[in-house]
N, C-alpha and C. Protein backbone atom coordinates (compact mmCIF):
# COMPACT_ATOMS: atom_id res chain seq x y z
N MET A 1 -23.68 7.00 -7.59
CA MET A 1 -23.01 8.10 -8.28
C MET A 1 -23.86 9.35 -8.16
N SER A 2 -23.23 10.46 -7.78
CA SER A 2 -23.96 11.71 -7.61
C SER A 2 -24.33 12.31 -8.96
N LEU A 3 -25.23 13.29 -8.92
CA LEU A 3 -25.64 13.97 -10.16
C LEU A 3 -24.44 14.62 -10.82
N GLY A 4 -23.55 15.23 -10.01
CA GLY A 4 -22.35 15.86 -10.56
C GLY A 4 -21.44 14.85 -11.23
N ASP A 5 -21.30 13.67 -10.62
CA ASP A 5 -20.47 12.62 -11.21
C ASP A 5 -21.06 12.14 -12.53
N ARG A 6 -22.38 11.99 -12.56
CA ARG A 6 -23.04 11.56 -13.80
C ARG A 6 -22.81 12.58 -14.91
N TRP A 7 -22.91 13.86 -14.56
CA TRP A 7 -22.70 14.91 -15.55
C TRP A 7 -21.27 14.88 -16.08
N ASN A 8 -20.31 14.78 -15.17
CA ASN A 8 -18.92 14.71 -15.60
C ASN A 8 -18.67 13.52 -16.53
N GLN A 9 -19.31 12.41 -16.21
CA GLN A 9 -19.17 11.23 -17.06
C GLN A 9 -19.79 11.46 -18.43
N LEU A 10 -20.95 12.11 -18.43
CA LEU A 10 -21.65 12.37 -19.70
C LEU A 10 -20.84 13.30 -20.61
N VAL A 11 -20.17 14.27 -20.01
CA VAL A 11 -19.41 15.22 -20.83
C VAL A 11 -17.99 14.73 -21.13
N GLY A 12 -17.73 13.48 -20.76
CA GLY A 12 -16.47 12.86 -21.17
C GLY A 12 -15.27 13.14 -20.31
N LYS A 13 -15.48 13.61 -19.08
CA LYS A 13 -14.33 13.87 -18.21
C LYS A 13 -13.79 12.55 -17.65
N ASN A 14 -12.48 12.51 -17.47
CA ASN A 14 -11.86 11.32 -16.90
C ASN A 14 -12.04 11.29 -15.39
N ARG A 15 -12.31 10.11 -14.87
CA ARG A 15 -12.52 9.91 -13.44
C ARG A 15 -11.23 9.38 -12.82
N PHE A 16 -10.73 10.06 -11.80
CA PHE A 16 -9.51 9.64 -11.11
C PHE A 16 -9.84 9.32 -9.66
N VAL A 17 -9.23 8.27 -9.15
CA VAL A 17 -9.43 7.88 -7.76
C VAL A 17 -8.07 7.80 -7.07
N ILE A 18 -7.99 8.41 -5.90
CA ILE A 18 -6.81 8.29 -5.05
C ILE A 18 -7.22 7.46 -3.85
N SER A 19 -6.51 6.37 -3.63
CA SER A 19 -6.91 5.41 -2.59
C SER A 19 -5.70 5.02 -1.75
N ARG A 20 -5.92 4.87 -0.44
CA ARG A 20 -4.87 4.39 0.44
C ARG A 20 -5.41 3.24 1.29
N ILE A 21 -4.63 2.17 1.37
CA ILE A 21 -5.01 0.98 2.11
C ILE A 21 -3.96 0.71 3.19
N PHE A 22 -4.43 0.50 4.42
CA PHE A 22 -3.57 0.11 5.53
C PHE A 22 -3.80 -1.37 5.82
N ILE A 23 -2.72 -2.14 5.97
CA ILE A 23 -2.83 -3.54 6.34
C ILE A 23 -1.83 -3.83 7.46
N HIS A 24 -2.34 -4.32 8.56
CA HIS A 24 -1.50 -4.66 9.71
C HIS A 24 -1.42 -6.18 9.82
N LEU A 25 -0.19 -6.68 9.82
CA LEU A 25 0.05 -8.12 9.97
C LEU A 25 0.79 -8.35 11.28
N THR A 26 0.54 -9.47 11.91
CA THR A 26 1.21 -9.77 13.17
C THR A 26 1.66 -11.22 13.21
N GLY A 27 2.79 -11.46 13.89
CA GLY A 27 3.33 -12.80 14.01
C GLY A 27 4.78 -12.86 13.58
N ALA A 28 5.55 -13.71 14.23
CA ALA A 28 6.97 -13.82 13.89
C ALA A 28 7.18 -14.26 12.45
N GLU A 29 6.19 -14.94 11.87
CA GLU A 29 6.32 -15.47 10.51
C GLU A 29 6.27 -14.41 9.42
N VAL A 30 5.92 -13.16 9.78
CA VAL A 30 5.79 -12.12 8.74
C VAL A 30 7.13 -11.43 8.44
N ALA A 31 8.20 -11.79 9.14
CA ALA A 31 9.50 -11.14 8.92
C ALA A 31 9.94 -11.16 7.45
N PRO A 32 9.78 -12.28 6.72
CA PRO A 32 10.22 -12.27 5.31
C PRO A 32 9.53 -11.22 4.45
N LEU A 33 8.34 -10.78 4.85
CA LEU A 33 7.63 -9.76 4.08
C LEU A 33 8.42 -8.46 4.03
N LEU A 34 9.20 -8.16 5.08
CA LEU A 34 10.02 -6.96 5.08
C LEU A 34 11.06 -7.01 3.96
N GLY A 35 11.55 -8.21 3.67
CA GLY A 35 12.49 -8.35 2.57
C GLY A 35 11.85 -8.00 1.24
N LYS A 36 10.63 -8.47 1.03
CA LYS A 36 9.89 -8.16 -0.20
C LYS A 36 9.60 -6.67 -0.29
N LEU A 37 9.20 -6.07 0.80
CA LEU A 37 8.89 -4.65 0.81
C LEU A 37 10.12 -3.80 0.48
N ASN A 38 11.25 -4.14 1.07
CA ASN A 38 12.48 -3.40 0.78
C ASN A 38 12.92 -3.61 -0.67
N GLN A 39 12.72 -4.81 -1.19
CA GLN A 39 13.07 -5.09 -2.58
C GLN A 39 12.25 -4.24 -3.53
N VAL A 40 10.94 -4.17 -3.29
CA VAL A 40 10.05 -3.35 -4.13
C VAL A 40 10.43 -1.88 -4.03
N ALA A 41 10.76 -1.42 -2.81
CA ALA A 41 11.15 -0.01 -2.62
C ALA A 41 12.43 0.30 -3.39
N ARG A 42 13.40 -0.61 -3.31
CA ARG A 42 14.67 -0.38 -4.00
C ARG A 42 14.48 -0.37 -5.52
N GLN A 43 13.67 -1.28 -6.03
CA GLN A 43 13.41 -1.32 -7.47
C GLN A 43 12.72 -0.03 -7.93
N ALA A 44 11.82 0.49 -7.10
CA ALA A 44 11.12 1.73 -7.45
C ALA A 44 12.10 2.89 -7.55
N ILE A 45 13.04 2.96 -6.60
CA ILE A 45 14.06 4.02 -6.63
C ILE A 45 14.94 3.87 -7.86
N ASP A 46 15.40 2.65 -8.11
CA ASP A 46 16.30 2.40 -9.23
C ASP A 46 15.65 2.68 -10.58
N SER A 47 14.33 2.50 -10.66
CA SER A 47 13.62 2.70 -11.93
C SER A 47 13.33 4.17 -12.21
N GLU A 48 13.57 5.03 -11.21
CA GLU A 48 13.30 6.47 -11.33
C GLU A 48 11.85 6.76 -11.72
N GLY A 49 10.94 6.00 -11.11
CA GLY A 49 9.52 6.27 -11.29
C GLY A 49 8.88 5.64 -12.51
N ASP A 50 9.53 4.68 -13.15
CA ASP A 50 8.95 4.01 -14.31
C ASP A 50 7.68 3.27 -13.89
N MET A 51 6.54 3.62 -14.51
CA MET A 51 5.26 3.08 -14.08
C MET A 51 5.14 1.58 -14.30
N ASP A 52 5.80 1.05 -15.31
CA ASP A 52 5.75 -0.40 -15.51
C ASP A 52 6.42 -1.13 -14.35
N VAL A 53 7.56 -0.60 -13.90
CA VAL A 53 8.27 -1.20 -12.77
C VAL A 53 7.46 -1.03 -11.49
N LEU A 54 6.93 0.17 -11.28
CA LEU A 54 6.13 0.43 -10.08
C LEU A 54 4.89 -0.45 -10.05
N GLY A 55 4.23 -0.57 -11.19
CA GLY A 55 3.01 -1.37 -11.27
C GLY A 55 3.29 -2.85 -11.04
N GLN A 56 4.38 -3.35 -11.61
CA GLN A 56 4.73 -4.75 -11.40
C GLN A 56 5.10 -5.01 -9.95
N GLY A 57 5.81 -4.06 -9.35
CA GLY A 57 6.15 -4.19 -7.93
C GLY A 57 4.92 -4.22 -7.06
N LEU A 58 3.94 -3.35 -7.36
CA LEU A 58 2.69 -3.33 -6.61
C LEU A 58 1.95 -4.66 -6.77
N SER A 59 1.90 -5.16 -8.00
CA SER A 59 1.22 -6.43 -8.25
C SER A 59 1.87 -7.57 -7.48
N ASP A 60 3.21 -7.62 -7.50
CA ASP A 60 3.94 -8.66 -6.77
C ASP A 60 3.70 -8.55 -5.27
N LEU A 61 3.67 -7.32 -4.79
CA LEU A 61 3.46 -7.11 -3.36
C LEU A 61 2.05 -7.54 -2.94
N CYS A 62 1.05 -7.24 -3.77
CA CYS A 62 -0.31 -7.68 -3.47
C CYS A 62 -0.38 -9.19 -3.38
N GLU A 63 0.31 -9.87 -4.28
CA GLU A 63 0.35 -11.33 -4.26
C GLU A 63 0.99 -11.84 -2.97
N SER A 64 2.07 -11.19 -2.54
CA SER A 64 2.73 -11.58 -1.29
C SER A 64 1.80 -11.36 -0.09
N LEU A 65 1.11 -10.22 -0.08
CA LEU A 65 0.19 -9.94 1.03
C LEU A 65 -0.93 -10.97 1.09
N LEU A 66 -1.41 -11.40 -0.05
CA LEU A 66 -2.45 -12.44 -0.08
C LEU A 66 -1.92 -13.76 0.47
N GLN A 67 -0.66 -14.05 0.23
CA GLN A 67 -0.06 -15.27 0.76
C GLN A 67 0.07 -15.22 2.27
N TYR A 68 0.12 -14.00 2.83
CA TYR A 68 0.23 -13.82 4.28
C TYR A 68 -1.13 -13.54 4.92
N ARG A 69 -2.18 -13.88 4.26
CA ARG A 69 -3.53 -13.56 4.74
C ARG A 69 -3.79 -14.10 6.16
N LEU A 70 -3.22 -15.22 6.49
CA LEU A 70 -3.41 -15.82 7.81
C LEU A 70 -2.96 -14.88 8.92
N TYR A 71 -2.04 -13.95 8.60
CA TYR A 71 -1.46 -13.06 9.61
C TYR A 71 -2.05 -11.66 9.60
N TRP A 72 -3.06 -11.43 8.78
CA TRP A 72 -3.72 -10.13 8.79
C TRP A 72 -4.39 -9.93 10.15
N GLN A 73 -4.17 -8.77 10.73
CA GLN A 73 -4.74 -8.48 12.04
C GLN A 73 -5.80 -7.37 11.98
N SER A 74 -5.50 -6.32 11.24
CA SER A 74 -6.43 -5.20 11.11
C SER A 74 -6.16 -4.48 9.80
N ALA A 75 -7.08 -3.62 9.42
CA ALA A 75 -6.95 -2.92 8.14
C ALA A 75 -7.83 -1.68 8.14
N SER A 76 -7.63 -0.86 7.12
CA SER A 76 -8.46 0.32 6.92
C SER A 76 -8.18 0.85 5.52
N ASN A 77 -9.08 1.65 5.01
CA ASN A 77 -8.83 2.27 3.70
C ASN A 77 -9.59 3.59 3.59
N GLU A 78 -9.12 4.42 2.67
CA GLU A 78 -9.77 5.69 2.39
C GLU A 78 -9.56 6.02 0.93
N GLY A 79 -10.43 6.87 0.39
CA GLY A 79 -10.29 7.24 -1.01
C GLY A 79 -11.13 8.44 -1.39
N ASP A 80 -10.73 9.08 -2.49
CA ASP A 80 -11.44 10.24 -3.00
C ASP A 80 -11.52 10.15 -4.52
N VAL A 81 -12.62 10.65 -5.06
CA VAL A 81 -12.84 10.67 -6.50
C VAL A 81 -12.64 12.10 -7.01
N PHE A 82 -11.93 12.23 -8.13
CA PHE A 82 -11.67 13.54 -8.74
C PHE A 82 -11.97 13.48 -10.23
N TRP A 83 -12.36 14.63 -10.75
CA TRP A 83 -12.57 14.75 -12.19
C TRP A 83 -11.53 15.69 -12.79
N ASN A 84 -10.54 16.03 -11.99
CA ASN A 84 -9.45 16.90 -12.42
C ASN A 84 -8.14 16.23 -12.03
N GLU A 85 -7.28 15.99 -13.00
CA GLU A 85 -6.04 15.24 -12.75
C GLU A 85 -5.11 15.99 -11.78
N GLY A 86 -5.08 17.31 -11.88
CA GLY A 86 -4.23 18.10 -11.00
C GLY A 86 -4.66 17.97 -9.54
N GLU A 87 -5.99 18.03 -9.31
CA GLU A 87 -6.50 17.89 -7.95
C GLU A 87 -6.22 16.49 -7.41
N ALA A 88 -6.33 15.48 -8.28
CA ALA A 88 -6.02 14.12 -7.87
C ALA A 88 -4.55 14.00 -7.49
N GLY A 89 -3.68 14.64 -8.26
CA GLY A 89 -2.25 14.62 -7.96
C GLY A 89 -1.93 15.28 -6.63
N ASP A 90 -2.63 16.38 -6.34
CA ASP A 90 -2.43 17.07 -5.06
C ASP A 90 -2.81 16.17 -3.89
N ARG A 91 -3.91 15.46 -4.04
CA ARG A 91 -4.36 14.56 -2.97
C ARG A 91 -3.39 13.39 -2.78
N PHE A 92 -2.89 12.87 -3.89
CA PHE A 92 -1.90 11.79 -3.81
C PHE A 92 -0.67 12.26 -3.04
N ASN A 93 -0.21 13.47 -3.34
CA ASN A 93 0.96 14.02 -2.65
C ASN A 93 0.70 14.22 -1.17
N GLU A 94 -0.52 14.62 -0.81
CA GLU A 94 -0.88 14.79 0.60
C GLU A 94 -0.78 13.46 1.34
N LEU A 95 -1.33 12.41 0.73
CA LEU A 95 -1.30 11.10 1.36
C LEU A 95 0.12 10.55 1.43
N PHE A 96 0.92 10.83 0.38
CA PHE A 96 2.32 10.42 0.38
C PHE A 96 3.05 11.03 1.58
N THR A 97 2.87 12.34 1.77
CA THR A 97 3.54 13.04 2.87
C THR A 97 3.09 12.50 4.21
N ASP A 98 1.80 12.24 4.35
CA ASP A 98 1.27 11.71 5.60
C ASP A 98 1.83 10.32 5.88
N SER A 99 1.83 9.45 4.87
CA SER A 99 2.34 8.08 5.06
C SER A 99 3.82 8.10 5.44
N ALA A 100 4.59 8.96 4.77
CA ALA A 100 6.03 9.02 5.02
C ALA A 100 6.34 9.49 6.44
N ALA A 101 5.42 10.25 7.04
CA ALA A 101 5.64 10.79 8.38
C ALA A 101 5.24 9.82 9.48
N ARG A 102 4.60 8.70 9.10
CA ARG A 102 4.18 7.74 10.11
C ARG A 102 5.39 7.05 10.73
N TYR A 103 5.20 6.49 11.90
CA TYR A 103 6.29 5.91 12.68
C TYR A 103 7.07 4.84 11.93
N LEU A 104 8.39 5.03 11.80
CA LEU A 104 9.29 4.03 11.21
C LEU A 104 8.89 3.60 9.81
N SER A 105 8.36 4.53 8.99
CA SER A 105 7.87 4.12 7.68
C SER A 105 8.78 4.50 6.53
N GLN A 106 9.97 5.05 6.83
CA GLN A 106 10.89 5.45 5.77
C GLN A 106 12.06 4.48 5.70
N PRO A 107 12.12 3.62 4.68
CA PRO A 107 13.24 2.69 4.58
C PRO A 107 14.55 3.41 4.34
N GLU A 108 15.62 2.91 4.94
CA GLU A 108 16.95 3.48 4.74
C GLU A 108 17.63 2.69 3.62
N LEU A 109 17.32 3.07 2.40
CA LEU A 109 17.79 2.30 1.25
C LEU A 109 19.29 2.45 1.01
N ASP A 110 19.91 3.44 1.63
CA ASP A 110 21.35 3.61 1.48
C ASP A 110 22.13 2.93 2.60
N ALA A 111 21.43 2.21 3.45
CA ALA A 111 22.10 1.53 4.55
C ALA A 111 23.06 0.48 4.02
N PRO A 112 24.19 0.24 4.72
CA PRO A 112 25.17 -0.71 4.22
C PRO A 112 24.69 -2.15 4.18
N ASN A 113 23.68 -2.49 5.02
CA ASN A 113 23.18 -3.86 5.07
C ASN A 113 21.67 -3.90 4.84
N PRO A 114 21.22 -3.60 3.62
CA PRO A 114 19.78 -3.64 3.37
C PRO A 114 19.25 -5.05 3.51
N VAL A 115 17.95 -5.17 3.73
CA VAL A 115 17.35 -6.48 3.90
C VAL A 115 17.40 -7.25 2.58
N ASP A 116 17.96 -8.43 2.63
CA ASP A 116 18.04 -9.30 1.46
C ASP A 116 16.81 -10.19 1.44
N PRO A 117 15.96 -10.10 0.40
CA PRO A 117 14.76 -10.92 0.38
C PRO A 117 15.06 -12.41 0.34
N GLN A 118 16.29 -12.80 0.00
CA GLN A 118 16.67 -14.20 -0.03
C GLN A 118 17.37 -14.64 1.26
N ALA A 119 17.45 -13.76 2.26
CA ALA A 119 18.18 -14.07 3.48
C ALA A 119 17.50 -15.19 4.26
N ASP A 120 18.27 -15.84 5.12
CA ASP A 120 17.73 -16.87 5.99
C ASP A 120 17.06 -16.18 7.18
N PHE A 121 15.75 -16.03 7.11
CA PHE A 121 15.05 -15.26 8.13
C PHE A 121 14.92 -16.03 9.44
N LEU A 122 15.29 -17.32 9.45
CA LEU A 122 15.26 -18.06 10.70
C LEU A 122 16.34 -17.55 11.66
N THR A 123 17.36 -16.90 11.12
CA THR A 123 18.45 -16.40 11.96
C THR A 123 18.26 -14.94 12.35
N LEU A 124 17.19 -14.31 11.87
CA LEU A 124 16.95 -12.90 12.15
C LEU A 124 15.96 -12.75 13.29
N PRO A 125 16.01 -11.62 14.00
CA PRO A 125 15.07 -11.41 15.11
C PRO A 125 13.63 -11.36 14.61
N ALA A 126 12.73 -11.89 15.43
CA ALA A 126 11.32 -11.94 15.04
C ALA A 126 10.72 -10.54 14.96
N THR A 127 9.83 -10.34 14.01
CA THR A 127 9.12 -9.08 13.85
C THR A 127 7.68 -9.30 14.26
N GLY A 128 7.26 -8.65 15.34
CA GLY A 128 5.91 -8.89 15.85
C GLY A 128 4.82 -8.25 15.03
N ASN A 129 5.07 -7.04 14.52
CA ASN A 129 4.06 -6.30 13.76
C ASN A 129 4.67 -5.71 12.50
N VAL A 130 3.92 -5.77 11.41
CA VAL A 130 4.28 -5.10 10.16
C VAL A 130 3.06 -4.34 9.69
N LEU A 131 3.25 -3.07 9.34
CA LEU A 131 2.16 -2.23 8.84
C LEU A 131 2.51 -1.80 7.43
N VAL A 132 1.65 -2.08 6.47
CA VAL A 132 1.88 -1.74 5.07
C VAL A 132 0.86 -0.69 4.64
N MET A 133 1.34 0.37 3.99
CA MET A 133 0.46 1.42 3.46
C MET A 133 0.63 1.46 1.95
N LEU A 134 -0.43 1.20 1.22
CA LEU A 134 -0.42 1.23 -0.24
C LEU A 134 -1.25 2.42 -0.70
N THR A 135 -0.63 3.36 -1.39
CA THR A 135 -1.33 4.53 -1.91
C THR A 135 -1.27 4.50 -3.43
N VAL A 136 -2.42 4.56 -4.07
CA VAL A 136 -2.46 4.49 -5.53
C VAL A 136 -3.36 5.56 -6.11
N GLY A 137 -3.08 5.91 -7.34
CA GLY A 137 -3.96 6.75 -8.13
C GLY A 137 -4.29 5.98 -9.39
N TYR A 138 -5.56 5.89 -9.72
CA TYR A 138 -5.95 5.16 -10.93
C TYR A 138 -7.07 5.88 -11.66
N GLU A 139 -7.21 5.52 -12.91
CA GLU A 139 -8.23 6.13 -13.76
C GLU A 139 -9.37 5.16 -13.97
N GLY A 140 -10.59 5.66 -13.89
CA GLY A 140 -11.75 4.81 -14.09
C GLY A 140 -12.45 4.49 -12.79
N GLU A 141 -13.15 3.37 -12.78
CA GLU A 141 -13.95 2.98 -11.62
C GLU A 141 -13.65 1.52 -11.29
N VAL A 142 -13.32 1.26 -10.02
CA VAL A 142 -13.02 -0.10 -9.55
C VAL A 142 -13.81 -0.32 -8.26
N PRO A 143 -15.03 -0.84 -8.37
CA PRO A 143 -15.89 -0.98 -7.19
C PRO A 143 -15.26 -1.76 -6.04
N ASP A 144 -14.43 -2.75 -6.34
CA ASP A 144 -13.83 -3.57 -5.28
C ASP A 144 -12.85 -2.78 -4.42
N LEU A 145 -12.38 -1.64 -4.93
CA LEU A 145 -11.48 -0.78 -4.15
C LEU A 145 -12.21 0.41 -3.53
N GLU A 146 -13.42 0.66 -4.00
CA GLU A 146 -14.18 1.83 -3.54
C GLU A 146 -15.26 1.41 -2.57
N THR A 147 -14.86 0.60 -1.60
CA THR A 147 -15.76 0.10 -0.58
C THR A 147 -14.96 -0.10 0.70
N ASP A 148 -15.62 -0.43 1.78
CA ASP A 148 -14.94 -0.66 3.06
C ASP A 148 -14.14 -1.95 2.96
N LEU A 149 -12.82 -1.84 3.15
CA LEU A 149 -11.95 -3.01 3.06
C LEU A 149 -11.55 -3.55 4.43
N ALA A 150 -12.18 -3.08 5.50
CA ALA A 150 -11.89 -3.58 6.84
C ALA A 150 -12.65 -4.87 7.10
N ASP A 151 -12.51 -5.79 6.16
CA ASP A 151 -13.14 -7.10 6.21
C ASP A 151 -12.22 -8.03 5.42
N SER A 152 -11.95 -9.20 5.94
CA SER A 152 -10.96 -10.08 5.34
C SER A 152 -11.28 -10.43 3.89
N GLU A 153 -12.53 -10.76 3.61
CA GLU A 153 -12.91 -11.14 2.24
C GLU A 153 -12.82 -9.94 1.30
N ALA A 154 -13.33 -8.79 1.77
CA ALA A 154 -13.30 -7.58 0.95
C ALA A 154 -11.87 -7.15 0.68
N LEU A 155 -11.00 -7.29 1.68
CA LEU A 155 -9.60 -6.90 1.51
C LEU A 155 -8.90 -7.81 0.51
N ALA A 156 -9.17 -9.10 0.59
CA ALA A 156 -8.57 -10.04 -0.36
C ALA A 156 -9.00 -9.71 -1.78
N THR A 157 -10.29 -9.43 -1.96
CA THR A 157 -10.80 -9.07 -3.29
C THR A 157 -10.19 -7.75 -3.75
N GLY A 158 -10.07 -6.79 -2.81
CA GLY A 158 -9.50 -5.50 -3.14
C GLY A 158 -8.05 -5.60 -3.57
N LEU A 159 -7.27 -6.44 -2.90
CA LEU A 159 -5.85 -6.60 -3.27
C LEU A 159 -5.71 -7.21 -4.67
N LYS A 160 -6.60 -8.13 -5.01
CA LYS A 160 -6.57 -8.71 -6.35
C LYS A 160 -6.89 -7.64 -7.40
N SER A 161 -7.87 -6.80 -7.10
CA SER A 161 -8.21 -5.71 -8.03
C SER A 161 -7.08 -4.69 -8.11
N LEU A 162 -6.42 -4.46 -7.00
CA LEU A 162 -5.30 -3.53 -6.97
C LEU A 162 -4.18 -4.04 -7.88
N ALA A 163 -3.88 -5.32 -7.80
CA ALA A 163 -2.85 -5.90 -8.66
C ALA A 163 -3.23 -5.77 -10.13
N ASN A 164 -4.52 -5.93 -10.43
CA ASN A 164 -4.98 -5.88 -11.82
C ASN A 164 -4.93 -4.48 -12.42
N LEU A 165 -4.86 -3.44 -11.58
CA LEU A 165 -4.76 -2.08 -12.11
C LEU A 165 -3.55 -1.95 -13.04
N HIS A 166 -2.47 -2.62 -12.67
CA HIS A 166 -1.25 -2.59 -13.50
C HIS A 166 -1.49 -3.25 -14.85
N TYR A 167 -2.08 -4.43 -14.81
CA TYR A 167 -2.29 -5.18 -16.06
C TYR A 167 -3.37 -4.55 -16.94
N ASN A 168 -4.31 -3.84 -16.31
CA ASN A 168 -5.37 -3.17 -17.07
C ASN A 168 -4.98 -1.76 -17.52
N ARG A 169 -3.74 -1.37 -17.20
CA ARG A 169 -3.21 -0.05 -17.60
C ARG A 169 -4.04 1.11 -17.05
N LYS A 170 -4.58 0.95 -15.85
CA LYS A 170 -5.35 2.01 -15.22
C LYS A 170 -4.54 2.76 -14.16
N LEU A 171 -3.42 2.20 -13.77
CA LEU A 171 -2.62 2.77 -12.69
C LEU A 171 -1.91 4.03 -13.15
N ARG A 172 -2.02 5.09 -12.35
CA ARG A 172 -1.38 6.36 -12.71
C ARG A 172 -0.31 6.78 -11.69
N ALA A 173 -0.41 6.28 -10.47
CA ALA A 173 0.58 6.62 -9.44
C ALA A 173 0.54 5.54 -8.37
N VAL A 174 1.69 5.27 -7.77
CA VAL A 174 1.74 4.27 -6.71
C VAL A 174 2.86 4.62 -5.74
N GLN A 175 2.59 4.38 -4.46
CA GLN A 175 3.60 4.58 -3.43
C GLN A 175 3.37 3.55 -2.33
N VAL A 176 4.45 2.95 -1.86
CA VAL A 176 4.38 1.95 -0.80
C VAL A 176 5.20 2.44 0.39
N HIS A 177 4.58 2.46 1.56
CA HIS A 177 5.29 2.73 2.81
C HIS A 177 5.03 1.56 3.75
N PHE A 178 5.96 1.32 4.65
CA PHE A 178 5.79 0.22 5.58
C PHE A 178 6.56 0.49 6.86
N ALA A 179 6.07 -0.10 7.93
CA ALA A 179 6.72 0.06 9.24
C ALA A 179 6.68 -1.29 9.97
N PRO A 180 7.79 -1.68 10.62
CA PRO A 180 9.07 -0.99 10.61
C PRO A 180 9.74 -1.13 9.25
N SER A 181 10.55 -0.18 8.88
CA SER A 181 11.14 -0.19 7.55
C SER A 181 12.40 -1.04 7.48
N ARG A 182 12.93 -1.43 8.63
CA ARG A 182 14.13 -2.27 8.64
C ARG A 182 14.04 -3.30 9.75
N LEU A 183 14.60 -4.48 9.50
CA LEU A 183 14.70 -5.47 10.55
C LEU A 183 15.57 -4.92 11.66
N GLY A 184 15.18 -5.20 12.89
CA GLY A 184 15.88 -4.65 14.04
C GLY A 184 15.10 -3.54 14.69
N ASP A 185 14.27 -2.83 13.90
CA ASP A 185 13.35 -1.85 14.47
C ASP A 185 12.13 -2.60 14.99
N GLU A 186 11.42 -1.98 15.93
CA GLU A 186 10.25 -2.63 16.51
C GLU A 186 9.04 -1.73 16.40
N LEU A 187 7.94 -2.30 15.95
CA LEU A 187 6.66 -1.61 15.89
C LEU A 187 5.77 -2.26 16.95
N THR A 188 5.61 -1.57 18.08
CA THR A 188 4.86 -2.14 19.20
C THR A 188 3.37 -1.86 19.06
N SER A 189 2.60 -2.50 19.92
CA SER A 189 1.15 -2.25 19.94
C SER A 189 0.85 -0.80 20.27
N ASP A 190 1.63 -0.21 21.17
CA ASP A 190 1.44 1.21 21.51
C ASP A 190 1.73 2.10 20.30
N HIS A 191 2.80 1.78 19.56
CA HIS A 191 3.12 2.54 18.35
C HIS A 191 1.96 2.48 17.35
N LEU A 192 1.37 1.31 17.22
CA LEU A 192 0.25 1.14 16.28
C LEU A 192 -0.93 2.02 16.69
N LEU A 193 -1.25 2.00 17.99
CA LEU A 193 -2.38 2.80 18.47
C LEU A 193 -2.15 4.29 18.27
N GLN A 194 -0.92 4.72 18.52
CA GLN A 194 -0.60 6.15 18.44
C GLN A 194 -0.49 6.66 17.00
N ASN A 195 0.04 5.83 16.11
CA ASN A 195 0.37 6.30 14.76
C ASN A 195 -0.58 5.81 13.67
N PHE A 196 -1.40 4.79 13.98
CA PHE A 196 -2.29 4.24 12.97
C PHE A 196 -3.68 4.03 13.58
N PRO A 197 -4.31 5.13 14.04
CA PRO A 197 -5.62 5.01 14.71
C PRO A 197 -6.74 4.55 13.78
N GLU A 198 -6.49 4.57 12.46
CA GLU A 198 -7.53 4.17 11.50
C GLU A 198 -7.83 2.67 11.53
N LEU A 199 -6.87 1.89 12.02
CA LEU A 199 -6.97 0.43 11.90
C LEU A 199 -8.21 -0.13 12.58
N ILE A 200 -8.84 -1.08 11.90
CA ILE A 200 -10.04 -1.76 12.41
C ILE A 200 -9.74 -3.25 12.41
N PRO A 201 -9.94 -3.95 13.54
CA PRO A 201 -9.66 -5.39 13.59
C PRO A 201 -10.44 -6.16 12.55
N LEU A 202 -9.78 -7.13 11.93
CA LEU A 202 -10.43 -7.95 10.91
C LEU A 202 -11.12 -9.17 11.56
């Protein structure tokens, strides 16, 4: 902790962290994860930003990602610490805009045939790559999230801590983006290289 951070802590300022995690999964078996991702996205829209719903969705999604650990291929993360809530909000919005602009990361929630998480995925086309972007804002300090997560063990620990932000009432903002956003779209290796250069093999 820097001298400035120590001073801010001493004078009682609140510490805010904006963090974004990239997780790349590969394999035909990851197709059902798209159903979960679309379900969480739809619930977030329907809740009109209710933090309890958003937090529970994030927690459920972290649990699903942990269940798919065998298919993790690469990952990356970034984060910033703020002592001003407005500045933290500005950074969150910047990352939101950047994530939304990434290749095939905007789900079409008004589509007539949205992905049903209960669908029989054996009859659906295989999805070779799935990229998940989790952007959160939280209050306080969470060492397991404020470290390099481009390591399988560190990422697993980080996802557990991320889920706990909801239960510990530290979560202040959350946004989930993923690519491809719909079954039938394809995220190729070239797309990954061009649009997600941050990724580091696990």
